[in-house]
Amino acid sequence: MVLDSYNRAILFEGERHGTKAIAVKMEREVFLSGYHKAFGLGAGPCRLCNTCAFGEGCRYPDEARPAMEACGIDVFATARKHGFTINVVKTYSDPQHYFGLVLIE
């Protein structure tokens, strides 16, 4: 599995639709610092296009990043293990927490 080849990561909390943008920026900085396998992950679905062009090739490969949960990461367990607060959202008034991750090797 690809995730198994990473030993370090930066876990961060962000705004609802901001984790992927943060992951892209952090991934670039980490990459330019010499970690050529840096890989950023955000939260939730991609919202860059109205209709996905997956079959034809991504229109925004420099901005699109997968979600942690889409890669099989247990976001609840990961966040809690590292001291972040995260709970199941039961109502619209419950606080929501969104996380991103930059894998480093």
Protein backbone atom coordinates (compact mmCIF):
# COMPACT_ATOMS: atom_id res chain seq x y z
CA MET A 1 0.00 0.00 0.00
CA VAL A 2 1.29 3.48 -0.86
CA LEU A 3 0.56 4.89 2.61
CA ASP A 4 2.81 2.28 4.19
CA SER A 5 5.86 3.82 2.50
CA TYR A 6 5.59 7.01 4.60
CA ASN A 7 7.04 7.35 8.10
CA ARG A 8 6.22 11.00 8.85
CA ALA A 9 3.32 13.35 8.31
CA ILE A 10 1.88 16.72 9.21
CA LEU A 11 -1.71 16.52 10.44
CA PHE A 12 -3.63 19.79 10.52
CA GLU A 13 -7.12 21.12 11.10
CA GLY A 14 -8.70 23.53 8.63
CA GLU A 15 -11.90 25.12 7.44
CA ARG A 16 -14.66 23.14 5.72
CA HIS A 17 -13.48 23.60 2.13
CA GLY A 18 -9.93 24.70 2.87
CA THR A 19 -8.04 21.55 3.78
CA LYS A 20 -7.16 20.59 0.23
CA ALA A 21 -5.81 24.05 -0.60
CA ILE A 22 -3.72 24.01 2.58
CA ALA A 23 -2.48 20.49 1.75
CA VAL A 24 -1.42 21.61 -1.75
CA LYS A 25 0.56 24.57 -0.36
CA MET A 26 2.20 22.51 2.39
CA GLU A 27 2.98 19.66 0.00
CA ARG A 28 4.77 22.08 -2.32
CA GLU A 29 6.82 23.60 0.51
CA VAL A 30 7.79 20.17 1.82
CA PHE A 31 8.65 19.01 -1.72
CA LEU A 32 10.83 22.07 -2.34
CA SER A 33 12.60 21.35 0.96
CA GLY A 34 13.87 18.09 -0.49
CA TYR A 35 11.13 15.60 0.35
CA HIS A 36 10.25 14.52 -3.17
CA LYS A 37 7.58 12.02 -2.15
CA ALA A 38 5.47 14.63 -0.31
CA PHE A 39 1.77 13.88 -0.74
CA GLY A 40 -1.08 16.09 0.48
CA LEU A 41 -4.55 14.90 1.45
CA GLY A 42 -7.58 16.95 2.37
CA ALA A 43 -11.15 16.33 3.48
CA GLY A 44 -14.32 15.67 1.52
CA PRO A 45 -15.09 15.55 -2.19
CA CYS A 46 -13.30 17.52 -4.88
CA ARG A 47 -15.15 20.73 -5.72
CA LEU A 48 -12.89 22.08 -8.47
CA CYS A 49 -15.21 21.18 -11.38
CA ASN A 50 -18.96 21.04 -11.80
CA THR A 51 -18.54 17.77 -13.70
CA CYS A 52 -15.52 15.56 -13.07
CA ALA A 53 -13.33 14.79 -16.08
CA PHE A 54 -11.76 11.77 -14.38
CA GLY A 55 -11.96 9.55 -17.47
CA GLU A 56 -10.31 12.20 -19.63
CA GLY A 57 -7.75 13.32 -17.08
CA CYS A 58 -8.02 15.81 -14.27
CA ARG A 59 -8.39 19.44 -15.34
CA TYR A 60 -6.65 20.65 -12.16
CA PRO A 61 -3.90 18.15 -11.26
CA ASP A 62 -1.90 20.86 -9.47
CA GLU A 63 -4.81 21.59 -7.12
CA ALA A 64 -6.83 18.36 -6.79
CA ARG A 65 -5.99 16.14 -3.85
CA PRO A 66 -7.79 13.09 -2.49
CA ALA A 67 -9.51 13.07 0.86
CA MET A 68 -7.92 11.24 3.78
CA GLU A 69 -11.05 9.10 4.12
CA ALA A 70 -10.94 8.22 0.40
CA CYS A 71 -7.48 6.70 0.97
CA GLY A 72 -8.71 4.44 3.75
CA ILE A 73 -7.46 6.59 6.62
CA ASP A 74 -9.61 6.51 9.75
CA VAL A 75 -9.80 10.25 10.27
CA PHE A 76 -11.51 9.98 13.67
CA ALA A 77 -8.85 7.65 15.07
CA THR A 78 -5.98 9.60 13.53
CA ALA A 79 -7.18 12.98 14.82
CA ARG A 80 -7.92 11.67 18.31
CA LYS A 81 -4.58 9.85 18.53
CA HIS A 82 -2.82 13.16 17.97
CA GLY A 83 -4.85 15.21 20.44
CA PHE A 84 -7.41 16.82 18.15
CA THR A 85 -11.09 17.05 19.03
CA ILE A 86 -13.43 15.32 16.61
CA ASN A 87 -16.93 13.98 17.18
CA VAL A 88 -19.76 12.70 15.03
CA VAL A 89 -21.86 15.65 13.85
CA LYS A 90 -25.46 14.94 14.84
CA THR A 91 -27.06 18.33 14.14
CA TYR A 92 -26.24 21.37 12.03
CA SER A 93 -25.34 23.29 15.18
CA ASP A 94 -22.69 20.76 16.26
CA PRO A 95 -19.10 21.91 15.73
CA GLN A 96 -17.51 20.41 12.64
CA HIS A 97 -13.82 19.61 12.35
CA TYR A 98 -11.98 19.06 9.07
CA PHE A 99 -8.50 17.61 8.78
CA GLY A 100 -5.78 17.36 6.21
CA LEU A 101 -2.52 15.47 6.09
CA VAL A 102 0.77 15.87 4.28
CA LEU A 103 2.72 12.63 4.08
CA ILE A 104 6.49 13.06 4.12
CA GLU A 105 9.29 10.70 3.15
